[in-house]
């Protein structure tokens, strides 16, 4: 079970099963947690901040994914600028055709689009890291 300085108590049952209880009043939430801590004295109490990697996993994954797509698109755009021609064979529309379509915009526009999306992802990452708060845990030994 963990509690954050947000208005939320999360109870973990194991095997990726959990339940979230939202309590609007922080004082009542603290009273509930302290009551559980007293009544469940067999549980070990601890306080810590979540790791940066665990807390910001989604924005970091988005940055890596967007960077991979950018590298592929930029490579194709630079090859098209050199005079190479590409076509989609087999008539299947997939991610390759989407990347090739974006590469048609040219290297400058691909870079500008990447920087725009990357700045949004970095803003999200910074916001997520600023909201990292001390978390209290009650763990079974």
C-alpha atoms as a PDB file:
ATOM      1  CA  UNK A   1       0.000   0.000   0.000  1.00  0.00           C
ATOM      2  CA  UNK A   2       1.363   3.451  -0.746  1.00  0.00           C
ATOM      3  CA  UNK A   3       0.167   6.973  -0.110  1.00  0.00           C
ATOM      4  CA  UNK A   4       1.230  10.173  -1.828  1.00  0.00           C
ATOM      5  CA  UNK A   5       0.809  13.817  -0.915  1.00  0.00           C
ATOM      6  CA  UNK A   6      -1.820  13.837  -3.589  1.00  0.00           C
ATOM      7  CA  UNK A   7      -5.412  13.036  -2.764  1.00  0.00           C
ATOM      8  CA  UNK A   8      -4.936   9.362  -3.512  1.00  0.00           C
ATOM      9  CA  UNK A   9      -4.313   6.109  -1.636  1.00  0.00           C
ATOM     10  CA  UNK A  10      -3.270   3.176  -3.803  1.00  0.00           C
ATOM     11  CA  UNK A  11      -3.568  -0.387  -2.501  1.00  0.00           C
ATOM     12  CA  UNK A  12      -1.516  -3.021  -4.340  1.00  0.00           C
ATOM     13  CA  UNK A  13      -2.811  -6.577  -4.094  1.00  0.00           C
ATOM     14  CA  UNK A  14       0.003  -8.147  -6.119  1.00  0.00           C
ATOM     15  CA  UNK A  15       0.179  -9.480  -9.679  1.00  0.00           C
ATOM     16  CA  UNK A  16      -0.360  -5.983 -11.123  1.00  0.00           C
ATOM     17  CA  UNK A  17      -3.689  -5.656  -9.314  1.00  0.00           C
ATOM     18  CA  UNK A  18      -4.355  -2.430  -7.468  1.00  0.00           C
ATOM     19  CA  UNK A  19      -7.121  -0.138  -6.330  1.00  0.00           C
ATOM     20  CA  UNK A  20      -7.040   3.646  -6.032  1.00  0.00           C
ATOM     21  CA  UNK A  21      -9.053   5.525  -3.428  1.00  0.00           C
ATOM     22  CA  UNK A  22      -9.412   9.264  -4.002  1.00  0.00           C
ATOM     23  CA  UNK A  23      -9.974  11.354  -0.864  1.00  0.00           C
ATOM     24  CA  UNK A  24     -10.417  15.088  -1.408  1.00  0.00           C
ATOM     25  CA  UNK A  25      -9.459  16.140   2.124  1.00  0.00           C
ATOM     26  CA  UNK A  26      -5.724  15.631   2.798  1.00  0.00           C
ATOM     27  CA  UNK A  27      -6.242  15.642   6.569  1.00  0.00           C
ATOM     28  CA  UNK A  28      -8.785  12.785   6.376  1.00  0.00           C
ATOM     29  CA  UNK A  29      -6.499  10.904   3.995  1.00  0.00           C
ATOM     30  CA  UNK A  30      -3.602  11.205   6.460  1.00  0.00           C
ATOM     31  CA  UNK A  31      -5.852  10.028   9.294  1.00  0.00           C
ATOM     32  CA  UNK A  32      -6.895   6.964   7.292  1.00  0.00           C
ATOM     33  CA  UNK A  33      -3.279   6.120   6.483  1.00  0.00           C
ATOM     34  CA  UNK A  34      -2.177   6.571  10.109  1.00  0.00           C
ATOM     35  CA  UNK A  35      -5.076   4.373  11.275  1.00  0.00           C
ATOM     36  CA  UNK A  36      -4.048   1.642   8.845  1.00  0.00           C
ATOM     37  CA  UNK A  37      -0.424   1.998   9.943  1.00  0.00           C
ATOM     38  CA  UNK A  38      -1.415   1.502  13.591  1.00  0.00           C
ATOM     39  CA  UNK A  39      -3.861  -1.372  13.008  1.00  0.00           C
ATOM     40  CA  UNK A  40      -1.605  -3.218  10.586  1.00  0.00           C
ATOM     41  CA  UNK A  41       1.488  -3.127  12.767  1.00  0.00           C
ATOM     42  CA  UNK A  42       2.950  -6.207  11.048  1.00  0.00           C
ATOM     43  CA  UNK A  43       3.501  -4.140   7.916  1.00  0.00           C
ATOM     44  CA  UNK A  44       6.789  -2.320   7.464  1.00  0.00           C
ATOM     45  CA  UNK A  45       6.505   1.477   7.062  1.00  0.00           C
ATOM     46  CA  UNK A  46       8.857   3.387   4.734  1.00  0.00           C
ATOM     47  CA  UNK A  47       9.035   6.731   2.897  1.00  0.00           C
ATOM     48  CA  UNK A  48      10.867   7.419  -0.327  1.00  0.00           C
ATOM     49  CA  UNK A  49      10.682   9.243  -3.628  1.00  0.00           C
ATOM     50  CA  UNK A  50      10.062   7.104  -6.707  1.00  0.00           C
ATOM     51  CA  UNK A  51      13.064   6.724  -9.009  1.00  0.00           C
ATOM     52  CA  UNK A  52      13.375   9.070 -11.961  1.00  0.00           C
ATOM     53  CA  UNK A  53      13.190   6.183 -14.423  1.00  0.00           C
ATOM     54  CA  UNK A  54      10.082   4.689 -12.842  1.00  0.00           C
ATOM     55  CA  UNK A  55       8.335   8.037 -12.497  1.00  0.00           C
ATOM     56  CA  UNK A  56       9.073   9.355 -16.003  1.00  0.00           C
ATOM     57  CA  UNK A  57       8.882   6.141 -18.028  1.00  0.00           C
ATOM     58  CA  UNK A  58       6.177   7.315 -20.463  1.00  0.00           C
ATOM     59  CA  UNK A  59       7.821  10.600 -21.579  1.00  0.00           C
ATOM     60  CA  UNK A  60      11.213   8.880 -21.916  1.00  0.00           C
ATOM     61  CA  UNK A  61       9.671   6.162 -24.077  1.00  0.00           C
ATOM     62  CA  UNK A  62       7.960   8.842 -26.202  1.00  0.00           C
ATOM     63  CA  UNK A  63      11.284  10.645 -26.710  1.00  0.00           C
ATOM     64  CA  UNK A  64      13.010   7.413 -27.789  1.00  0.00           C
ATOM     65  CA  UNK A  65      10.151   6.420 -30.110  1.00  0.00           C
ATOM     66  CA  UNK A  66       9.941   9.858 -31.741  1.00  0.00           C
ATOM     67  CA  UNK A  67      13.738   9.931 -32.153  1.00  0.00           C
ATOM     68  CA  UNK A  68      13.689   6.574 -33.943  1.00  0.00           C
ATOM     69  CA  UNK A  69      10.917   7.709 -36.278  1.00  0.00           C
ATOM     70  CA  UNK A  70      12.814  10.963 -36.885  1.00  0.00           C
ATOM     71  CA  UNK A  71      16.058   9.193 -37.805  1.00  0.00           C
ATOM     72  CA  UNK A  72      14.249   6.949 -40.279  1.00  0.00           C
ATOM     73  CA  UNK A  73      12.321   9.863 -41.801  1.00  0.00           C
ATOM     74  CA  UNK A  74      15.401  12.116 -41.954  1.00  0.00           C
ATOM     75  CA  UNK A  75      17.428   9.393 -43.656  1.00  0.00           C
ATOM     76  CA  UNK A  76      14.754   8.926 -46.326  1.00  0.00           C
ATOM     77  CA  UNK A  77      14.334  12.713 -46.751  1.00  0.00           C
ATOM     78  CA  UNK A  78      18.075  13.194 -47.257  1.00  0.00           C
ATOM     79  CA  UNK A  79      18.165  10.310 -49.773  1.00  0.00           C
ATOM     80  CA  UNK A  80      15.223  11.843 -51.663  1.00  0.00           C
ATOM     81  CA  UNK A  81      17.059  15.198 -51.716  1.00  0.00           C
ATOM     82  CA  UNK A  82      20.047  13.426 -53.334  1.00  0.00           C
ATOM     83  CA  UNK A  83      17.783  12.159 -56.102  1.00  0.00           C
ATOM     84  CA  UNK A  84      16.831   8.673 -54.969  1.00  0.00           C
ATOM     85  CA  UNK A  85      13.287   7.558 -55.669  1.00  0.00           C
ATOM     86  CA  UNK A  86      11.241   5.275 -53.440  1.00  0.00           C
ATOM     87  CA  UNK A  87       7.906   3.580 -53.943  1.00  0.00           C
ATOM     88  CA  UNK A  88       5.739   1.323 -51.815  1.00  0.00           C
ATOM     89  CA  UNK A  89       5.693  -2.159 -53.327  1.00  0.00           C
ATOM     90  CA  UNK A  90       2.928  -4.675 -52.738  1.00  0.00           C
ATOM     91  CA  UNK A  91       0.170  -2.144 -52.191  1.00  0.00           C
ATOM     92  CA  UNK A  92       0.252  -2.491 -48.398  1.00  0.00           C
ATOM     93  CA  UNK A  93      -0.114   0.731 -46.488  1.00  0.00           C
ATOM     94  CA  UNK A  94       1.882   0.567 -43.273  1.00  0.00           C
ATOM     95  CA  UNK A  95       4.298   2.537 -41.164  1.00  0.00           C
ATOM     96  CA  UNK A  96       6.830   2.542 -43.998  1.00  0.00           C
ATOM     97  CA  UNK A  97       4.450   4.406 -46.263  1.00  0.00           C
ATOM     98  CA  UNK A  98       3.704   6.897 -43.495  1.00  0.00           C
ATOM     99  CA  UNK A  99       7.426   7.523 -42.942  1.00  0.00           C
ATOM    100  CA  UNK A 100       7.994   7.859 -46.689  1.00  0.00           C
ATOM    101  CA  UNK A 101       5.120  10.332 -46.889  1.00  0.00           C
ATOM    102  CA  UNK A 102       6.618  12.448 -44.112  1.00  0.00           C
ATOM    103  CA  UNK A 103      10.043  12.287 -45.805  1.00  0.00           C
ATOM    104  CA  UNK A 104       8.504  13.938 -48.886  1.00  0.00           C
ATOM    105  CA  UNK A 105       8.298  17.218 -46.932  1.00  0.00           C
ATOM    106  CA  UNK A 106      12.087  17.593 -47.044  1.00  0.00           C
ATOM    107  CA  UNK A 107      14.838  17.620 -44.475  1.00  0.00           C
ATOM    108  CA  UNK A 108      14.176  21.119 -43.114  1.00  0.00           C
ATOM    109  CA  UNK A 109      10.506  20.497 -42.394  1.00  0.00           C
ATOM    110  CA  UNK A 110      11.273  17.060 -40.953  1.00  0.00           C
ATOM    111  CA  UNK A 111      13.765  18.650 -38.524  1.00  0.00           C
ATOM    112  CA  UNK A 112      11.300  21.402 -37.557  1.00  0.00           C
ATOM    113  CA  UNK A 113       8.514  18.870 -36.964  1.00  0.00           C
ATOM    114  CA  UNK A 114      10.832  16.692 -34.894  1.00  0.00           C
ATOM    115  CA  UNK A 115      11.940  19.642 -32.764  1.00  0.00           C
ATOM    116  CA  UNK A 116       8.311  20.608 -32.138  1.00  0.00           C
ATOM    117  CA  UNK A 117       7.324  17.102 -31.038  1.00  0.00           C
ATOM    118  CA  UNK A 118      10.552  16.691 -29.035  1.00  0.00           C
ATOM    119  CA  UNK A 119       9.967  19.972 -27.181  1.00  0.00           C
ATOM    120  CA  UNK A 120       6.461  18.795 -26.197  1.00  0.00           C
ATOM    121  CA  UNK A 121       7.903  15.503 -24.917  1.00  0.00           C
ATOM    122  CA  UNK A 122      10.635  17.300 -22.935  1.00  0.00           C
ATOM    123  CA  UNK A 123       8.069  19.683 -21.452  1.00  0.00           C
ATOM    124  CA  UNK A 124       6.024  16.669 -20.355  1.00  0.00           C
ATOM    125  CA  UNK A 125       9.146  15.024 -18.895  1.00  0.00           C
ATOM    126  CA  UNK A 126      10.113  18.119 -16.902  1.00  0.00           C
ATOM    127  CA  UNK A 127       6.559  18.566 -15.619  1.00  0.00           C
ATOM    128  CA  UNK A 128       6.419  14.910 -14.573  1.00  0.00           C
ATOM    129  CA  UNK A 129       9.765  15.120 -12.756  1.00  0.00           C
ATOM    130  CA  UNK A 130       8.740  18.280 -10.880  1.00  0.00           C
ATOM    131  CA  UNK A 131       5.652  16.462  -9.553  1.00  0.00           C
ATOM    132  CA  UNK A 132       7.702  13.659  -7.987  1.00  0.00           C
ATOM    133  CA  UNK A 133       6.706  13.613  -4.338  1.00  0.00           C
ATOM    134  CA  UNK A 134       7.651  11.693  -1.239  1.00  0.00           C
ATOM    135  CA  UNK A 135       5.639   8.482  -1.043  1.00  0.00           C
ATOM    136  CA  UNK A 136       4.778   6.552   2.101  1.00  0.00           C
ATOM    137  CA  UNK A 137       4.600   2.743   1.950  1.00  0.00           C
ATOM    138  CA  UNK A 138       3.226  -0.037   4.120  1.00  0.00           C
ATOM    139  CA  UNK A 139       4.844  -3.265   2.910  1.00  0.00           C
ATOM    140  CA  UNK A 140       4.354  -6.865   3.950  1.00  0.00           C
ATOM    141  CA  UNK A 141       7.667  -8.508   4.915  1.00  0.00           C
END
